[in-house]
Amino acid sequence: MMNRYYGKVRGRWGDLVAGIFEDGHLFGLWFEGQKYFPDIPEHALWLEADHRPNEVPGPVVGVFESLKTQLAEYEAGKRTSFDLPLKPQGTPFRRAVWDILLDIDLGETTTYGEIGRILAERLGKARMSAQAVGGAVGHNPISIVIPCHRVVGADGKLTGYAGGIDKKEKLLRHEASVKRAS
């Protein structure tokens, strides 16, 4: 089994915990205390300042530093998408939904129903349950980078967000201002 490393990232909208496999793939990015926050083992490997550089594999350090840089650029309005190696863990259905989320551009939103329509088309099915899609969106393990905050209800209203509706609203407002400025 591949080692997992965790690191804390201070963010504009709250502190985050990143999860990175030893091969340098990001498997998680959660707001501290959010809904569906993972059970991190007591003996987890943390990327703390007191670790010697040779204790943490180079790919882990590189991705962690890149994540911090890209998040800071995103928060400053200088980055509209992320370029990180991702390996979210979930069922094939959830991963298919998360792949669709990656296609939603900064400053844009879509609905659970629209994601269901796209997924049904990709899978050759007549339709897909918006409720099932909602469950997959809600369990997205890589907040912000896989932009589940860009999914709204059919009526355009903000609906559930594991990090909290207040954070979802702030992220969408930030992205709208970045889009207007560009």
N, C-alpha and C. Protein backbone atom coordinates (compact mmCIF):
# COMPACT_ATOMS: atom_id res chain seq x y z
N MET A 1 0.84 -1.19 0.00
CA MET A 1 0.00 0.00 0.00
C MET A 1 0.88 1.25 0.00
N MET A 2 0.46 2.22 -0.76
CA MET A 2 1.23 3.45 -0.90
C MET A 2 1.06 4.35 0.34
N ASN A 3 2.16 4.93 0.80
CA ASN A 3 2.09 5.86 1.93
C ASN A 3 1.31 7.10 1.54
N ARG A 4 0.63 7.65 2.53
CA ARG A 4 -0.12 8.90 2.36
C ARG A 4 0.49 9.95 3.28
N TYR A 5 0.64 11.14 2.75
CA TYR A 5 1.17 12.26 3.52
C TYR A 5 0.11 13.35 3.58
N TYR A 6 0.10 14.06 4.70
CA TYR A 6 -0.88 15.13 4.91
C TYR A 6 -0.15 16.41 5.24
N GLY A 7 -0.69 17.51 4.74
CA GLY A 7 -0.11 18.81 5.03
C GLY A 7 -1.19 19.85 5.17
N LYS A 8 -0.96 20.81 6.04
CA LYS A 8 -1.94 21.88 6.26
C LYS A 8 -1.58 23.08 5.39
N VAL A 9 -2.63 23.68 4.83
CA VAL A 9 -2.47 24.84 3.97
C VAL A 9 -3.41 25.94 4.49
N ARG A 10 -2.84 27.09 4.76
CA ARG A 10 -3.68 28.22 5.19
C ARG A 10 -4.33 28.79 3.94
N GLY A 11 -5.63 28.98 3.99
CA GLY A 11 -6.34 29.49 2.83
C GLY A 11 -7.16 30.72 3.16
N ARG A 12 -7.45 31.48 2.16
CA ARG A 12 -8.24 32.70 2.30
C ARG A 12 -9.63 32.42 2.87
N TRP A 13 -10.18 31.25 2.53
CA TRP A 13 -11.54 30.93 2.96
C TRP A 13 -11.58 29.87 4.05
N GLY A 14 -10.42 29.56 4.59
CA GLY A 14 -10.33 28.59 5.67
C GLY A 14 -9.12 27.70 5.49
N ASP A 15 -8.70 27.10 6.58
CA ASP A 15 -7.54 26.21 6.52
C ASP A 15 -7.93 24.89 5.87
N LEU A 16 -6.99 24.36 5.11
CA LEU A 16 -7.21 23.13 4.35
C LEU A 16 -6.20 22.07 4.77
N VAL A 17 -6.58 20.83 4.56
CA VAL A 17 -5.66 19.71 4.75
C VAL A 17 -5.54 19.01 3.40
N ALA A 18 -4.30 18.87 2.95
CA ALA A 18 -4.03 18.18 1.69
C ALA A 18 -3.59 16.76 1.98
N GLY A 19 -4.00 15.85 1.09
CA GLY A 19 -3.54 14.47 1.16
C GLY A 19 -2.80 14.15 -0.13
N ILE A 20 -1.58 13.64 0.00
CA ILE A 20 -0.74 13.36 -1.17
C ILE A 20 -0.15 11.95 -1.04
N PHE A 21 -0.34 11.15 -2.08
CA PHE A 21 0.28 9.83 -2.11
C PHE A 21 1.79 9.99 -2.29
N GLU A 22 2.55 8.98 -1.86
CA GLU A 22 4.01 9.04 -1.96
C GLU A 22 4.50 9.17 -3.39
N ASP A 23 3.64 8.83 -4.39
CA ASP A 23 4.05 8.99 -5.78
C ASP A 23 3.82 10.41 -6.30
N GLY A 24 3.32 11.30 -5.42
CA GLY A 24 3.15 12.69 -5.80
C GLY A 24 1.80 13.04 -6.39
N HIS A 25 0.78 12.22 -6.17
CA HIS A 25 -0.58 12.53 -6.63
C HIS A 25 -1.43 13.02 -5.47
N LEU A 26 -2.13 14.11 -5.71
CA LEU A 26 -3.05 14.67 -4.72
C LEU A 26 -4.31 13.81 -4.67
N PHE A 27 -4.64 13.29 -3.49
CA PHE A 27 -5.85 12.48 -3.35
C PHE A 27 -6.90 13.19 -2.51
N GLY A 28 -6.54 14.28 -1.87
CA GLY A 28 -7.52 14.98 -1.06
C GLY A 28 -7.14 16.42 -0.78
N LEU A 29 -8.15 17.26 -0.63
CA LEU A 29 -7.98 18.64 -0.19
C LEU A 29 -9.30 19.03 0.47
N TRP A 30 -9.27 19.10 1.80
CA TRP A 30 -10.49 19.31 2.56
C TRP A 30 -10.37 20.55 3.44
N PHE A 31 -11.48 21.27 3.59
CA PHE A 31 -11.52 22.33 4.59
C PHE A 31 -11.53 21.64 5.96
N GLU A 32 -10.74 22.13 6.88
CA GLU A 32 -10.70 21.51 8.20
C GLU A 32 -12.10 21.49 8.80
N GLY A 33 -12.50 20.32 9.25
CA GLY A 33 -13.79 20.17 9.91
C GLY A 33 -14.99 20.09 8.99
N GLN A 34 -14.78 20.06 7.70
CA GLN A 34 -15.91 20.02 6.76
C GLN A 34 -16.67 18.71 6.88
N LYS A 35 -17.85 18.67 6.31
CA LYS A 35 -18.60 17.44 6.20
C LYS A 35 -17.78 16.46 5.35
N TYR A 36 -17.79 15.20 5.71
CA TYR A 36 -17.02 14.15 5.04
C TYR A 36 -15.50 14.34 5.19
N PHE A 37 -15.08 15.06 6.23
CA PHE A 37 -13.65 15.17 6.51
C PHE A 37 -13.14 13.77 6.81
N PRO A 38 -12.01 13.38 6.24
CA PRO A 38 -11.55 12.00 6.41
C PRO A 38 -11.07 11.71 7.84
N ASP A 39 -11.13 10.45 8.20
CA ASP A 39 -10.52 10.00 9.45
C ASP A 39 -9.04 9.80 9.17
N ILE A 40 -8.26 10.76 9.59
CA ILE A 40 -6.81 10.68 9.37
C ILE A 40 -6.22 9.87 10.52
N PRO A 41 -5.50 8.81 10.19
CA PRO A 41 -4.95 7.95 11.25
C PRO A 41 -4.05 8.72 12.21
N GLU A 42 -4.04 8.26 13.45
CA GLU A 42 -3.23 8.90 14.48
C GLU A 42 -1.74 8.87 14.10
N HIS A 43 -1.31 7.83 13.41
CA HIS A 43 0.10 7.68 13.03
C HIS A 43 0.38 8.24 11.63
N ALA A 44 -0.49 9.11 11.15
CA ALA A 44 -0.34 9.67 9.79
C ALA A 44 0.99 10.41 9.64
N LEU A 45 1.47 10.43 8.42
CA LEU A 45 2.71 11.13 8.08
C LEU A 45 2.36 12.56 7.69
N TRP A 46 2.85 13.52 8.47
CA TRP A 46 2.53 14.92 8.25
C TRP A 46 3.72 15.67 7.67
N LEU A 47 3.44 16.61 6.80
CA LEU A 47 4.47 17.45 6.19
C LEU A 47 4.65 18.69 7.07
N GLU A 48 5.34 18.52 8.15
CA GLU A 48 5.55 19.62 9.09
C GLU A 48 6.95 20.16 8.94
N ALA A 49 7.15 21.38 9.39
CA ALA A 49 8.44 22.05 9.25
C ALA A 49 9.56 21.28 9.96
N ASP A 50 9.24 20.49 10.99
CA ASP A 50 10.30 19.79 11.72
C ASP A 50 10.72 18.48 11.05
N HIS A 51 10.07 18.10 9.93
CA HIS A 51 10.52 16.91 9.20
C HIS A 51 11.78 17.25 8.41
N ARG A 52 12.73 16.35 8.45
CA ARG A 52 13.91 16.54 7.62
C ARG A 52 13.51 16.26 6.16
N PRO A 53 14.06 16.97 5.19
CA PRO A 53 13.69 16.78 3.79
C PRO A 53 13.81 15.34 3.30
N ASN A 54 14.78 14.56 3.84
CA ASN A 54 14.94 13.20 3.35
C ASN A 54 13.90 12.23 3.92
N GLU A 55 13.05 12.68 4.82
CA GLU A 55 11.99 11.83 5.37
C GLU A 55 10.76 11.82 4.48
N VAL A 56 10.64 12.77 3.61
CA VAL A 56 9.47 12.89 2.74
C VAL A 56 9.91 12.74 1.29
N PRO A 57 9.28 11.83 0.54
CA PRO A 57 9.67 11.66 -0.87
C PRO A 57 9.57 12.96 -1.66
N GLY A 58 10.52 13.17 -2.57
CA GLY A 58 10.55 14.38 -3.39
C GLY A 58 9.26 14.69 -4.11
N PRO A 59 8.59 13.67 -4.72
CA PRO A 59 7.33 13.98 -5.41
C PRO A 59 6.27 14.56 -4.48
N VAL A 60 6.26 14.13 -3.22
CA VAL A 60 5.28 14.65 -2.25
C VAL A 60 5.57 16.12 -1.97
N VAL A 61 6.82 16.42 -1.70
CA VAL A 61 7.21 17.81 -1.41
C VAL A 61 6.90 18.70 -2.61
N GLY A 62 7.25 18.22 -3.81
CA GLY A 62 7.02 19.01 -5.02
C GLY A 62 5.55 19.33 -5.24
N VAL A 63 4.69 18.34 -5.08
CA VAL A 63 3.25 18.57 -5.28
C VAL A 63 2.70 19.47 -4.19
N PHE A 64 3.16 19.27 -2.96
CA PHE A 64 2.67 20.11 -1.86
C PHE A 64 3.05 21.57 -2.08
N GLU A 65 4.28 21.81 -2.48
CA GLU A 65 4.71 23.19 -2.74
C GLU A 65 3.95 23.77 -3.94
N SER A 66 3.76 22.98 -4.97
CA SER A 66 3.00 23.44 -6.14
C SER A 66 1.55 23.74 -5.77
N LEU A 67 0.95 22.89 -4.94
CA LEU A 67 -0.42 23.14 -4.48
C LEU A 67 -0.51 24.46 -3.74
N LYS A 68 0.41 24.71 -2.81
CA LYS A 68 0.38 25.97 -2.05
C LYS A 68 0.53 27.17 -2.98
N THR A 69 1.44 27.07 -3.94
CA THR A 69 1.66 28.17 -4.89
C THR A 69 0.41 28.41 -5.74
N GLN A 70 -0.16 27.33 -6.28
CA GLN A 70 -1.32 27.47 -7.15
C GLN A 70 -2.55 27.96 -6.39
N LEU A 71 -2.72 27.53 -5.16
CA LEU A 71 -3.84 28.04 -4.36
C LEU A 71 -3.67 29.54 -4.09
N ALA A 72 -2.45 29.96 -3.77
CA ALA A 72 -2.20 31.39 -3.54
C ALA A 72 -2.47 32.20 -4.81
N GLU A 73 -2.07 31.68 -5.96
CA GLU A 73 -2.33 32.36 -7.23
C GLU A 73 -3.83 32.43 -7.51
N TYR A 74 -4.55 31.35 -7.23
CA TYR A 74 -6.00 31.32 -7.40
C TYR A 74 -6.66 32.36 -6.49
N GLU A 75 -6.24 32.38 -5.23
CA GLU A 75 -6.81 33.34 -4.28
C GLU A 75 -6.53 34.78 -4.69
N ALA A 76 -5.38 35.01 -5.34
CA ALA A 76 -5.02 36.37 -5.78
C ALA A 76 -5.65 36.73 -7.12
N GLY A 77 -6.41 35.80 -7.71
CA GLY A 77 -7.05 36.07 -8.99
C GLY A 77 -6.12 35.93 -10.18
N LYS A 78 -4.97 35.28 -9.98
CA LYS A 78 -3.98 35.14 -11.05
C LYS A 78 -3.99 33.75 -11.68
N ARG A 79 -4.84 32.86 -11.19
CA ARG A 79 -4.92 31.49 -11.73
C ARG A 79 -6.39 31.14 -11.90
N THR A 80 -6.73 30.61 -13.07
CA THR A 80 -8.12 30.25 -13.35
C THR A 80 -8.35 28.74 -13.38
N SER A 81 -7.26 27.96 -13.37
CA SER A 81 -7.38 26.50 -13.30
C SER A 81 -6.12 25.96 -12.62
N PHE A 82 -6.18 24.71 -12.24
CA PHE A 82 -5.07 24.09 -11.53
C PHE A 82 -4.38 23.05 -12.42
N ASP A 83 -3.08 22.89 -12.20
CA ASP A 83 -2.29 21.93 -12.95
C ASP A 83 -1.54 21.06 -11.93
N LEU A 84 -2.26 20.09 -11.38
CA LEU A 84 -1.71 19.22 -10.35
C LEU A 84 -2.04 17.77 -10.70
N PRO A 85 -1.17 16.83 -10.35
CA PRO A 85 -1.49 15.42 -10.58
C PRO A 85 -2.53 14.95 -9.56
N LEU A 86 -3.70 14.55 -10.04
CA LEU A 86 -4.81 14.18 -9.17
C LEU A 86 -5.06 12.68 -9.19
N LYS A 87 -5.42 12.14 -8.04
CA LYS A 87 -5.81 10.74 -7.95
C LYS A 87 -6.89 10.61 -6.86
N PRO A 88 -8.08 11.21 -7.13
CA PRO A 88 -9.16 11.11 -6.13
C PRO A 88 -9.62 9.66 -6.02
N GLN A 89 -9.94 9.25 -4.81
CA GLN A 89 -10.35 7.87 -4.56
C GLN A 89 -11.87 7.81 -4.45
N GLY A 90 -12.47 6.97 -5.26
CA GLY A 90 -13.92 6.82 -5.24
C GLY A 90 -14.36 5.77 -6.24
N THR A 91 -15.64 5.53 -6.27
CA THR A 91 -16.19 4.57 -7.21
C THR A 91 -16.04 5.09 -8.64
N PRO A 92 -16.13 4.21 -9.63
CA PRO A 92 -16.07 4.68 -11.02
C PRO A 92 -17.14 5.75 -11.31
N PHE A 93 -18.34 5.60 -10.74
CA PHE A 93 -19.39 6.59 -10.95
C PHE A 93 -18.96 7.95 -10.40
N ARG A 94 -18.47 7.97 -9.18
CA ARG A 94 -18.04 9.25 -8.58
C ARG A 94 -16.90 9.87 -9.37
N ARG A 95 -15.93 9.06 -9.78
CA ARG A 95 -14.81 9.60 -10.56
C ARG A 95 -15.28 10.18 -11.88
N ALA A 96 -16.30 9.56 -12.49
CA ALA A 96 -16.85 10.10 -13.74
C ALA A 96 -17.50 11.46 -13.51
N VAL A 97 -18.20 11.60 -12.39
CA VAL A 97 -18.80 12.90 -12.05
C VAL A 97 -17.71 13.92 -11.80
N TRP A 98 -16.67 13.55 -11.05
CA TRP A 98 -15.58 14.49 -10.75
C TRP A 98 -14.85 14.92 -12.02
N ASP A 99 -14.74 14.03 -12.99
CA ASP A 99 -14.14 14.40 -14.27
C ASP A 99 -14.95 15.49 -14.96
N ILE A 100 -16.27 15.40 -14.87
CA ILE A 100 -17.14 16.42 -15.47
C ILE A 100 -16.95 17.75 -14.75
N LEU A 101 -16.79 17.70 -13.43
CA LEU A 101 -16.58 18.94 -12.67
C LEU A 101 -15.34 19.69 -13.16
N LEU A 102 -14.32 18.95 -13.55
CA LEU A 102 -13.08 19.58 -14.02
C LEU A 102 -13.28 20.38 -15.31
N ASP A 103 -14.39 20.15 -16.01
CA ASP A 103 -14.68 20.86 -17.25
C ASP A 103 -15.45 22.17 -17.04
N ILE A 104 -15.83 22.46 -15.79
CA ILE A 104 -16.58 23.70 -15.51
C ILE A 104 -15.57 24.83 -15.34
N ASP A 105 -15.64 25.80 -16.22
CA ASP A 105 -14.69 26.91 -16.19
C ASP A 105 -14.92 27.83 -15.00
N LEU A 106 -13.84 28.48 -14.59
CA LEU A 106 -13.90 29.47 -13.53
C LEU A 106 -14.95 30.53 -13.86
N GLY A 107 -15.76 30.86 -12.87
CA GLY A 107 -16.79 31.87 -13.06
C GLY A 107 -18.07 31.34 -13.67
N GLU A 108 -18.11 30.06 -13.99
CA GLU A 108 -19.30 29.44 -14.56
C GLU A 108 -19.92 28.50 -13.51
N THR A 109 -21.18 28.20 -13.68
CA THR A 109 -21.84 27.22 -12.82
C THR A 109 -22.64 26.27 -13.71
N THR A 110 -22.98 25.14 -13.13
CA THR A 110 -23.85 24.18 -13.80
C THR A 110 -24.75 23.57 -12.74
N THR A 111 -25.67 22.74 -13.16
CA THR A 111 -26.60 22.11 -12.23
C THR A 111 -26.32 20.61 -12.12
N TYR A 112 -26.86 20.03 -11.07
CA TYR A 112 -26.76 18.58 -10.89
C TYR A 112 -27.43 17.87 -12.07
N GLY A 113 -28.56 18.40 -12.50
CA GLY A 113 -29.27 17.82 -13.63
C GLY A 113 -28.46 17.85 -14.92
N GLU A 114 -27.75 18.94 -15.15
CA GLU A 114 -26.92 19.05 -16.35
C GLU A 114 -25.76 18.05 -16.29
N ILE A 115 -25.16 17.90 -15.12
CA ILE A 115 -24.09 16.90 -14.97
C ILE A 115 -24.67 15.51 -15.23
N GLY A 116 -25.86 15.25 -14.72
CA GLY A 116 -26.52 13.97 -14.97
C GLY A 116 -26.76 13.73 -16.45
N ARG A 117 -27.17 14.78 -17.16
CA ARG A 117 -27.40 14.67 -18.60
C ARG A 117 -26.11 14.34 -19.33
N ILE A 118 -25.02 15.04 -18.99
CA ILE A 118 -23.72 14.80 -19.63
C ILE A 118 -23.24 13.38 -19.34
N LEU A 119 -23.37 12.97 -18.08
CA LEU A 119 -22.91 11.64 -17.70
C LEU A 119 -23.72 10.55 -18.39
N ALA A 120 -25.04 10.74 -18.45
CA ALA A 120 -25.89 9.75 -19.14
C ALA A 120 -25.48 9.63 -20.60
N GLU A 121 -25.21 10.77 -21.23
CA GLU A 121 -24.78 10.75 -22.63
C GLU A 121 -23.46 10.00 -22.79
N ARG A 122 -22.51 10.26 -21.90
CA ARG A 122 -21.21 9.59 -21.97
C ARG A 122 -21.33 8.08 -21.75
N LEU A 123 -22.30 7.68 -20.90
CA LEU A 123 -22.46 6.27 -20.57
C LEU A 123 -23.47 5.56 -21.47
N GLY A 124 -24.07 6.31 -22.41
CA GLY A 124 -25.04 5.72 -23.32
C GLY A 124 -26.35 5.34 -22.62
N LYS A 125 -26.73 6.10 -21.62
CA LYS A 125 -27.97 5.84 -20.88
C LYS A 125 -29.00 6.91 -21.21
N ALA A 126 -30.26 6.60 -20.97
CA ALA A 126 -31.34 7.55 -21.25
C ALA A 126 -31.30 8.72 -20.28
N ARG A 127 -31.01 8.44 -19.02
CA ARG A 127 -30.95 9.51 -18.02
C ARG A 127 -30.13 9.07 -16.82
N MET A 128 -29.83 10.03 -15.98
CA MET A 128 -29.05 9.77 -14.77
C MET A 128 -29.70 10.57 -13.64
N SER A 129 -29.81 9.99 -12.51
CA SER A 129 -30.43 10.63 -11.35
C SER A 129 -29.62 11.83 -10.87
N ALA A 130 -30.28 12.99 -10.81
CA ALA A 130 -29.62 14.18 -10.28
C ALA A 130 -29.25 13.97 -8.81
N GLN A 131 -30.04 13.17 -8.10
CA GLN A 131 -29.76 12.88 -6.70
C GLN A 131 -28.46 12.07 -6.56
N ALA A 132 -28.28 11.07 -7.42
CA ALA A 132 -27.04 10.28 -7.41
C ALA A 132 -25.85 11.17 -7.75
N VAL A 133 -26.04 12.06 -8.72
CA VAL A 133 -24.98 13.00 -9.08
C VAL A 133 -24.66 13.89 -7.88
N GLY A 134 -25.70 14.35 -7.19
CA GLY A 134 -25.50 15.20 -6.02
C GLY A 134 -24.67 14.51 -4.95
N GLY A 135 -24.92 13.22 -4.75
CA GLY A 135 -24.12 12.47 -3.78
C GLY A 135 -22.66 12.41 -4.17
N ALA A 136 -22.40 12.21 -5.46
CA ALA A 136 -21.02 12.15 -5.95
C ALA A 136 -20.35 13.52 -5.82
N VAL A 137 -21.06 14.57 -6.19
CA VAL A 137 -20.51 15.92 -6.09
C VAL A 137 -20.18 16.23 -4.62
N GLY A 138 -21.10 15.88 -3.72
CA GLY A 138 -20.91 16.16 -2.30
C GLY A 138 -19.72 15.43 -1.69
N HIS A 139 -19.36 14.29 -2.26
CA HIS A 139 -18.24 13.51 -1.74
C HIS A 139 -16.93 13.77 -2.49
N ASN A 140 -16.88 14.83 -3.27
CA ASN A 140 -15.64 15.20 -3.96
C ASN A 140 -14.54 15.38 -2.91
N PRO A 141 -13.46 14.61 -3.00
CA PRO A 141 -12.42 14.71 -1.98
C PRO A 141 -11.37 15.81 -2.21
N ILE A 142 -11.45 16.52 -3.34
CA ILE A 142 -10.40 17.52 -3.63
C ILE A 142 -11.07 18.87 -3.86
N SER A 143 -11.44 19.52 -2.75
CA SER A 143 -12.12 20.81 -2.81
C SER A 143 -11.32 21.83 -3.60
N ILE A 144 -12.02 22.77 -4.17
CA ILE A 144 -11.50 23.90 -4.94
C ILE A 144 -10.85 23.44 -6.25
N VAL A 145 -9.88 22.51 -6.18
CA VAL A 145 -9.17 22.06 -7.38
C VAL A 145 -10.13 21.33 -8.32
N ILE A 146 -10.94 20.42 -7.77
CA ILE A 146 -12.05 19.82 -8.52
C ILE A 146 -13.25 20.65 -8.07
N PRO A 147 -13.71 21.57 -8.92
CA PRO A 147 -14.61 22.65 -8.50
C PRO A 147 -16.08 22.28 -8.29
N CYS A 148 -16.33 21.48 -7.25
CA CYS A 148 -17.71 21.11 -6.94
C CYS A 148 -18.52 22.32 -6.45
N HIS A 149 -17.84 23.38 -6.03
CA HIS A 149 -18.55 24.59 -5.59
C HIS A 149 -19.26 25.29 -6.75
N ARG A 150 -18.97 24.89 -7.98
CA ARG A 150 -19.59 25.51 -9.16
C ARG A 150 -20.90 24.83 -9.55
N VAL A 151 -21.38 23.90 -8.74
CA VAL A 151 -22.63 23.21 -9.02
C VAL A 151 -23.73 23.81 -8.15
N VAL A 152 -24.82 24.21 -8.79
CA VAL A 152 -25.94 24.85 -8.10
C VAL A 152 -27.22 24.06 -8.37
N GLY A 153 -28.27 24.41 -7.64
CA GLY A 153 -29.56 23.76 -7.84
C GLY A 153 -30.17 24.14 -9.18
N ALA A 154 -31.21 23.42 -9.57
CA ALA A 154 -31.88 23.66 -10.86
C ALA A 154 -32.41 25.08 -10.97
N ASP A 155 -32.75 25.67 -9.83
CA ASP A 155 -33.28 27.03 -9.81
C ASP A 155 -32.18 28.08 -9.69
N GLY A 156 -30.92 27.64 -9.71
CA GLY A 156 -29.79 28.56 -9.61
C GLY A 156 -29.38 28.87 -8.19
N LYS A 157 -30.11 28.35 -7.21
CA LYS A 157 -29.78 28.62 -5.80
C LYS A 157 -28.62 27.76 -5.35
N LEU A 158 -27.89 28.31 -4.38
CA LEU A 158 -26.77 27.57 -3.82
C LEU A 158 -27.31 26.44 -2.95
N THR A 159 -26.83 25.25 -3.20
CA THR A 159 -27.24 24.08 -2.42
C THR A 159 -25.99 23.49 -1.79
N GLY A 160 -26.17 22.45 -1.02
CA GLY A 160 -25.12 21.81 -0.24
C GLY A 160 -23.70 21.94 -0.75
N TYR A 161 -22.80 22.14 0.19
CA TYR A 161 -21.37 22.16 -0.08
C TYR A 161 -20.70 21.64 1.18
N ALA A 162 -19.89 20.59 1.06
CA ALA A 162 -19.28 19.96 2.23
C ALA A 162 -18.49 20.95 3.08
N GLY A 163 -17.91 21.96 2.43
CA GLY A 163 -17.14 22.98 3.15
C GLY A 163 -18.00 24.04 3.80
N GLY A 164 -19.29 24.04 3.48
CA GLY A 164 -20.22 25.04 4.02
C GLY A 164 -20.69 26.00 2.94
N ILE A 165 -21.97 26.32 2.96
CA ILE A 165 -22.55 27.22 1.96
C ILE A 165 -21.84 28.58 1.96
N ASP A 166 -21.42 29.05 3.14
CA ASP A 166 -20.73 30.35 3.20
C ASP A 166 -19.45 30.33 2.36
N LYS A 167 -18.71 29.22 2.42
CA LYS A 167 -17.48 29.13 1.62
C LYS A 167 -17.81 29.02 0.14
N LYS A 168 -18.85 28.27 -0.19
CA LYS A 168 -19.27 28.13 -1.59
C LYS A 168 -19.62 29.50 -2.16
N GLU A 169 -20.37 30.27 -1.41
CA GLU A 169 -20.76 31.61 -1.84
C GLU A 169 -19.53 32.50 -2.05
N LYS A 170 -18.58 32.45 -1.13
CA LYS A 170 -17.37 33.27 -1.25
C LYS A 170 -16.52 32.84 -2.45
N LEU A 171 -16.39 31.54 -2.67
CA LEU A 171 -15.62 31.05 -3.82
C LEU A 171 -16.26 31.51 -5.13
N LEU A 172 -17.58 31.38 -5.24
CA LEU A 172 -18.27 31.80 -6.47
C LEU A 172 -18.18 33.31 -6.68
N ARG A 173 -18.30 34.07 -5.60
CA ARG A 173 -18.17 35.53 -5.72
C ARG A 173 -16.77 35.91 -6.16
N HIS A 174 -15.77 35.26 -5.58
CA HIS A 174 -14.36 35.51 -5.97
C HIS A 174 -14.16 35.21 -7.45
N GLU A 175 -14.64 34.04 -7.89
CA GLU A 175 -14.45 33.65 -9.29
C GLU A 175 -15.19 34.59 -10.25
N ALA A 176 -16.37 35.04 -9.86
CA ALA A 176 -17.10 35.98 -10.71
C ALA A 176 -16.32 37.28 -10.86
N SER A 177 -15.71 37.74 -9.78
CA SER A 177 -14.93 39.00 -9.87
C SER A 177 -13.67 38.81 -10.71
N VAL A 178 -13.04 37.65 -10.61
CA VAL A 178 -11.86 37.35 -11.44
C VAL A 178 -12.26 37.30 -12.90
N LYS A 179 -13.38 36.66 -13.19
CA LYS A 179 -13.84 36.55 -14.58
C LYS A 179 -14.16 37.94 -15.16
N ARG A 180 -14.81 38.77 -14.37
CA ARG A 180 -15.14 40.13 -14.84
C ARG A 180 -13.88 40.96 -15.11
N ALA A 181 -12.85 40.74 -14.30
CA ALA A 181 -11.60 41.51 -14.43
C ALA A 181 -10.77 41.06 -15.63
N SER A 182 -11.03 39.86 -16.13
CA SER A 182 -10.18 39.38 -17.24
C SER A 182 -10.76 39.68 -18.60
